[in-house]
Protein backbone atom coordinates (compact mmCIF):
# COMPACT_ATOMS: atom_id res chain seq x y z
CA MET A 1 2.07 11.37 -17.21
CA ASN A 2 5.59 12.44 -15.90
CA LYS A 3 7.70 10.50 -13.70
CA GLU A 4 8.01 11.50 -9.96
CA GLY A 5 11.32 13.66 -9.84
CA GLN A 6 11.37 14.56 -13.45
CA SER A 7 11.59 18.42 -14.46
CA VAL A 8 8.30 19.92 -15.52
CA ILE A 9 8.99 23.62 -15.40
CA SER A 10 12.09 25.59 -15.73
CA ILE A 11 12.14 29.29 -15.34
CA LYS A 12 15.53 31.07 -16.05
CA ASP A 13 16.09 34.77 -15.33
CA LEU A 14 12.48 35.63 -15.97
CA LYS A 15 11.87 39.35 -15.81
CA MET A 16 8.52 41.26 -16.80
CA SER A 17 7.66 44.93 -16.64
CA PHE A 18 4.40 46.72 -17.09
CA GLY A 19 5.49 50.07 -18.57
CA ASP A 20 8.11 51.54 -15.99
CA LYS A 21 7.25 49.02 -13.45
CA GLU A 22 9.48 46.07 -13.03
CA VAL A 23 6.98 43.27 -11.57
CA LEU A 24 9.51 40.23 -11.97
CA ARG A 25 13.21 40.87 -11.66
CA GLY A 26 14.93 37.74 -12.42
CA ILE A 27 13.00 34.50 -11.32
CA ASN A 28 14.93 31.39 -11.60
CA LEU A 29 13.08 28.18 -10.83
CA GLU A 30 13.46 24.35 -11.44
CA VAL A 31 10.08 22.36 -10.43
CA GLU A 32 9.94 18.51 -10.46
CA SER A 33 6.84 16.53 -10.80
CA GLY A 34 5.24 15.08 -7.73
CA GLN A 35 5.67 18.19 -5.56
CA ILE A 36 3.12 20.29 -3.77
CA ILE A 37 4.48 23.80 -3.88
CA GLY A 38 3.28 26.80 -1.66
CA TYR A 39 3.83 29.63 -3.97
CA ILE A 40 3.41 32.57 -1.65
CA GLY A 41 4.18 36.48 -1.25
CA PRO A 42 2.57 39.59 -0.56
CA ASN A 43 -0.13 41.12 -3.00
CA GLY A 44 1.78 42.73 -5.79
CA ALA A 45 4.94 40.49 -5.23
CA GLY A 46 4.48 38.78 -8.81
CA LYS A 47 3.07 35.57 -8.15
CA SER A 48 -0.03 35.99 -10.32
CA THR A 49 2.43 37.52 -13.13
CA THR A 50 4.45 34.37 -13.18
CA VAL A 51 1.59 32.01 -13.31
CA LYS A 52 0.09 33.86 -15.87
CA ILE A 53 3.33 33.78 -18.03
CA LEU A 54 3.34 30.02 -17.42
CA LEU A 55 -0.23 29.74 -18.51
CA GLY A 56 0.40 31.41 -21.94
CA MET A 57 -1.64 34.29 -20.80
CA LEU A 58 1.12 37.05 -20.75
CA GLU A 59 3.63 37.86 -23.43
CA GLY A 60 6.50 40.36 -23.20
CA TYR A 61 8.77 38.71 -20.62
CA GLN A 62 12.19 38.53 -20.88
CA GLY A 63 14.24 35.08 -20.12
CA GLN A 64 13.33 31.62 -20.68
CA VAL A 65 10.32 29.46 -19.78
CA LYS A 66 9.97 25.91 -20.50
CA VAL A 67 7.04 23.72 -19.34
CA PHE A 68 7.35 19.95 -19.89
CA ASP A 69 10.81 20.74 -21.69
CA ASN A 70 8.77 22.81 -24.40
CA ASP A 71 10.03 26.54 -24.58
CA ILE A 72 6.45 28.38 -24.36
CA SER A 73 7.76 31.20 -26.48
CA SER A 74 7.26 29.10 -29.56
CA LYS A 75 3.54 29.78 -28.72
CA SER A 76 2.55 25.93 -29.03
CA ILE A 77 -0.78 25.40 -27.20
CA GLU A 78 -0.58 21.82 -26.89
CA TYR A 79 1.20 21.81 -23.15
CA LYS A 80 -1.86 23.84 -22.12
CA LYS A 81 -3.82 20.47 -22.38
CA ARG A 82 -1.97 19.35 -19.41
CA ILE A 83 -2.60 22.14 -17.16
CA GLY A 84 -5.32 22.99 -14.86
CA TYR A 85 -5.85 26.42 -13.17
CA VAL A 86 -8.23 28.03 -10.64
CA PRO A 87 -7.47 31.62 -10.23
CA GLU A 88 -8.37 33.75 -7.15
CA THR A 89 -11.17 35.46 -9.07
CA ALA A 90 -12.76 33.69 -11.64
CA GLU A 91 -15.24 34.81 -14.37
CA MET A 92 -17.88 32.26 -14.94
CA TYR A 93 -20.47 31.61 -17.52
CA ASP A 94 -23.05 31.53 -14.61
CA THR A 95 -26.02 31.76 -16.82
CA LEU A 96 -25.24 28.14 -17.84
CA THR A 97 -26.18 25.31 -15.95
CA ALA A 98 -23.33 23.25 -14.31
CA GLN A 99 -23.67 20.33 -16.79
CA GLU A 100 -23.33 22.95 -19.79
CA TYR A 101 -20.43 24.77 -18.06
CA LEU A 102 -18.33 21.60 -17.31
CA THR A 103 -19.14 19.82 -20.67
CA PHE A 104 -18.03 23.09 -22.27
CA ILE A 105 -14.99 23.03 -20.60
CA GLY A 106 -14.13 19.45 -21.04
CA GLU A 107 -14.84 19.65 -24.80
CA ILE A 108 -12.53 22.50 -24.83
CA TYR A 109 -9.57 20.25 -23.77
CA GLY A 110 -10.53 17.68 -26.34
CA LEU A 111 -12.67 15.12 -24.09
CA ASP A 112 -15.71 13.53 -25.80
CA TYR A 113 -18.97 14.84 -24.52
CA GLU A 114 -20.58 11.69 -23.18
CA VAL A 115 -17.25 11.07 -21.24
CA VAL A 116 -16.91 14.42 -19.77
CA ASN A 117 -20.84 14.50 -19.10
CA LYS A 118 -20.60 11.42 -16.79
CA LYS A 119 -17.39 12.31 -15.35
CA ALA A 120 -18.69 15.95 -14.27
CA GLU A 121 -21.87 14.67 -12.74
CA ARG A 122 -20.16 12.14 -10.73
CA LEU A 123 -17.58 14.29 -9.57
CA MET A 124 -20.11 16.96 -8.58
CA SER A 125 -21.90 14.22 -6.84
CA LEU A 126 -18.67 13.22 -4.70
CA PHE A 127 -18.24 16.99 -3.99
CA GLY A 128 -21.73 16.97 -2.55
CA ILE A 129 -23.51 19.15 -5.20
CA GLY A 130 -24.81 16.59 -7.61
CA ASP A 131 -28.34 17.52 -6.85
CA VAL A 132 -27.60 20.89 -8.81
CA TYR A 133 -25.90 19.59 -11.91
CA HIS A 134 -28.66 20.79 -13.97
CA SER A 135 -29.34 24.21 -12.16
CA ARG A 136 -28.02 27.34 -13.33
CA ILE A 137 -24.79 28.61 -11.83
CA THR A 138 -26.01 31.98 -11.07
CA SER A 139 -28.08 30.21 -8.17
CA PHE A 140 -25.11 28.56 -6.41
CA SER A 141 -23.44 30.00 -3.61
CA LYS A 142 -19.89 31.00 -3.53
CA GLY A 143 -18.65 27.87 -2.23
CA MET A 144 -20.69 25.61 -4.83
CA LYS A 145 -19.29 27.85 -7.46
CA GLN A 146 -15.65 27.23 -5.98
CA LYS A 147 -16.46 23.35 -6.29
CA VAL A 148 -17.63 23.76 -9.96
CA LEU A 149 -14.33 25.61 -10.69
CA ILE A 150 -12.16 23.00 -9.03
CA ILE A 151 -13.88 20.37 -11.05
CA ALA A 152 -13.41 22.34 -14.15
CA SER A 153 -9.77 22.37 -13.38
CA LEU A 154 -9.35 18.63 -12.85
CA LEU A 155 -11.84 17.23 -15.54
CA HIS A 156 -8.75 16.38 -18.09
CA ASN A 157 -6.74 14.92 -15.37
CA PRO A 158 -3.87 17.67 -15.88
CA ASP A 159 -0.34 16.94 -15.02
CA ILE A 160 0.34 20.67 -13.78
CA LEU A 161 -2.26 22.36 -11.48
CA PHE A 162 -2.31 26.17 -10.44
CA PHE A 163 -4.53 26.77 -7.39
CA ASP A 164 -4.94 30.40 -6.09
CA GLU A 165 -6.74 30.59 -2.88
CA PRO A 166 -8.86 27.37 -3.83
CA LEU A 167 -10.56 26.92 -0.36
CA SER A 168 -12.27 30.32 -0.59
CA GLY A 169 -15.96 29.51 0.44
CA LEU A 170 -15.51 25.71 1.29
CA ASP A 171 -16.95 24.17 4.03
CA ALA A 172 -14.83 22.28 6.49
CA ASN A 173 -15.60 18.92 5.17
CA SER A 174 -14.88 20.13 1.47
CA VAL A 175 -11.75 21.49 2.47
CA MET A 176 -10.47 17.99 4.02
CA ILE A 177 -11.81 16.44 0.72
CA PHE A 178 -9.66 18.82 -1.32
CA LYS A 179 -6.41 18.56 0.61
CA GLU A 180 -6.42 14.84 0.21
CA ILE A 181 -7.37 14.94 -3.16
CA ILE A 182 -4.22 17.09 -4.09
CA SER A 183 -2.07 14.93 -1.71
CA GLU A 184 -2.97 11.75 -3.71
CA LEU A 185 -2.53 13.60 -7.12
CA ALA A 186 1.18 14.73 -6.07
CA ALA A 187 1.70 11.00 -5.10
CA GLN A 188 0.69 10.10 -8.64
CA GLY A 189 3.33 12.54 -9.99
CA LYS A 190 1.29 15.53 -10.40
CA THR A 191 2.67 18.95 -9.66
CA ILE A 192 0.63 21.31 -7.83
CA PHE A 193 1.18 25.20 -7.37
CA TYR A 194 -0.66 26.22 -4.26
CA SER A 195 -0.98 29.95 -3.62
CA SER A 196 -2.87 31.22 -0.41
CA HIS A 197 -2.55 33.93 2.48
CA ILE A 198 -3.77 31.11 4.67
CA MET A 199 -0.11 30.41 5.92
CA GLU A 200 -1.24 27.55 8.25
CA VAL A 201 -2.68 25.57 5.35
CA VAL A 202 0.42 26.28 3.24
CA GLU A 203 2.77 25.09 6.03
CA LYS A 204 0.92 21.82 6.39
CA ILE A 205 0.42 20.95 2.78
CA SER A 206 3.47 21.89 1.22
CA HIS A 207 6.72 19.73 0.07
CA ARG A 208 8.49 22.92 -0.85
CA ILE A 209 7.63 26.55 -0.09
CA ILE A 210 8.82 29.31 -2.57
CA LEU A 211 8.31 32.93 -1.16
CA ILE A 212 8.47 35.57 -3.77
CA ASN A 213 8.80 39.29 -2.85
CA GLY A 214 9.47 42.35 -4.91
CA GLY A 215 9.60 40.45 -8.14
CA GLN A 216 12.07 38.05 -6.58
CA ILE A 217 12.39 34.73 -4.91
CA VAL A 218 13.50 35.45 -1.32
CA ALA A 219 13.09 31.77 -0.11
CA ASP A 220 12.94 28.45 -1.29
CA GLY A 221 12.86 25.06 0.68
CA THR A 222 10.86 22.87 2.74
CA PHE A 223 9.32 24.25 6.09
CA GLY A 224 11.76 22.74 8.17
CA GLU A 225 14.60 24.36 5.94
CA LEU A 226 12.86 27.85 6.14
CA GLN A 227 12.49 27.55 9.87
CA LYS A 228 16.23 26.83 10.43
CA LYS A 229 17.51 29.70 8.02
CA SER A 230 15.02 32.25 9.79
CA ASN A 231 14.84 30.93 13.23
CA GLU A 232 11.08 31.58 13.26
CA GLY A 233 8.61 28.93 14.63
CA SER A 234 5.59 29.27 12.12
CA LEU A 235 5.34 30.13 8.31
CA GLU A 236 3.42 33.34 9.18
CA ASN A 237 6.36 34.57 11.33
CA ILE A 238 8.95 33.43 8.41
CA PHE A 239 6.56 35.42 5.99
CA ASN A 240 6.58 38.50 7.92
CA GLN A 241 10.41 38.50 8.58
CA LEU A 242 11.34 37.72 4.94
CA THR A 243 8.83 40.48 3.77
CA GLY A 244 9.64 43.11 6.01
CA PHE A 245 6.12 43.27 7.44
CA ASN A 246 6.23 43.38 11.24
CA GLN A 247 3.90 46.19 12.16
CA TYR A 248 0.76 44.18 12.30
CA LYS A 249 0.37 44.29 16.12
CA GLU A 250 0.92 48.21 16.23
CA ILE A 251 -1.61 48.76 13.30
CA ALA A 252 -4.13 46.26 14.99
CA SER A 253 -3.70 48.53 18.18
CA ASP A 254 -4.22 51.68 16.51
CA PHE A 255 -7.14 50.25 14.83
CA ILE A 256 -8.63 49.34 18.18
CA SER A 257 -8.08 52.56 19.72
CA VAL A 258 -9.90 54.52 16.81
CA LEU A 259 -12.80 52.16 17.34
CA GLU A 260 -13.02 53.09 21.02
CA GLU A 261 -12.74 56.87 20.33
CA GLY A 262 -15.85 58.88 21.13
């Protein structure tokens, strides 16, 4: 466990290209423990690329990336045991039962089978899906699968969590439970990267908001600080101003016009 306020991620002049396309153009970022960070930006801005580099899923970058003060270019995998991840689109072994899937994930992280089995079943019950613990995931609804993914990311009690659209498919009660979970985890000194296109949620839960656009950080601060700098009322308006997207009303109006034709 890291003490609150201790640096857990350090990124210096991070650049990444795929062929001729420069996706990251010099990211500099210091992240302390105990923060919920709203990591936002348009599609293709470089958010997922940054996260995948931090997770050790992408190589070939330029710059320095340290996690828990360890340079990840050393290819050590030890730091990964302290990270949890829920991607926006996840491939699950859905022919397995929830029990089989979660105990498999837990054992990958080095947990004892009996320990993870009890833990997983209790967590599923708390999330309202304990009755399907022994059912195949292929029979689950989208929301139920999302709950299993969230539980899988938390089983090993990681110190850094990356959530990409984690509320997808969740009912209102589960959303409230999830928000409270990440709030309490942050209070324990955990670091949470929260990426979503639902600006109202990001605005409410984040201690710090980082907006990336065109492979660069264009805003970094609390919601209040970003408001003052941009003179905008909501995070959605700040987002639109800083990413240059201000034609949404005209596009919506044109869209309606086409619907009304003929």
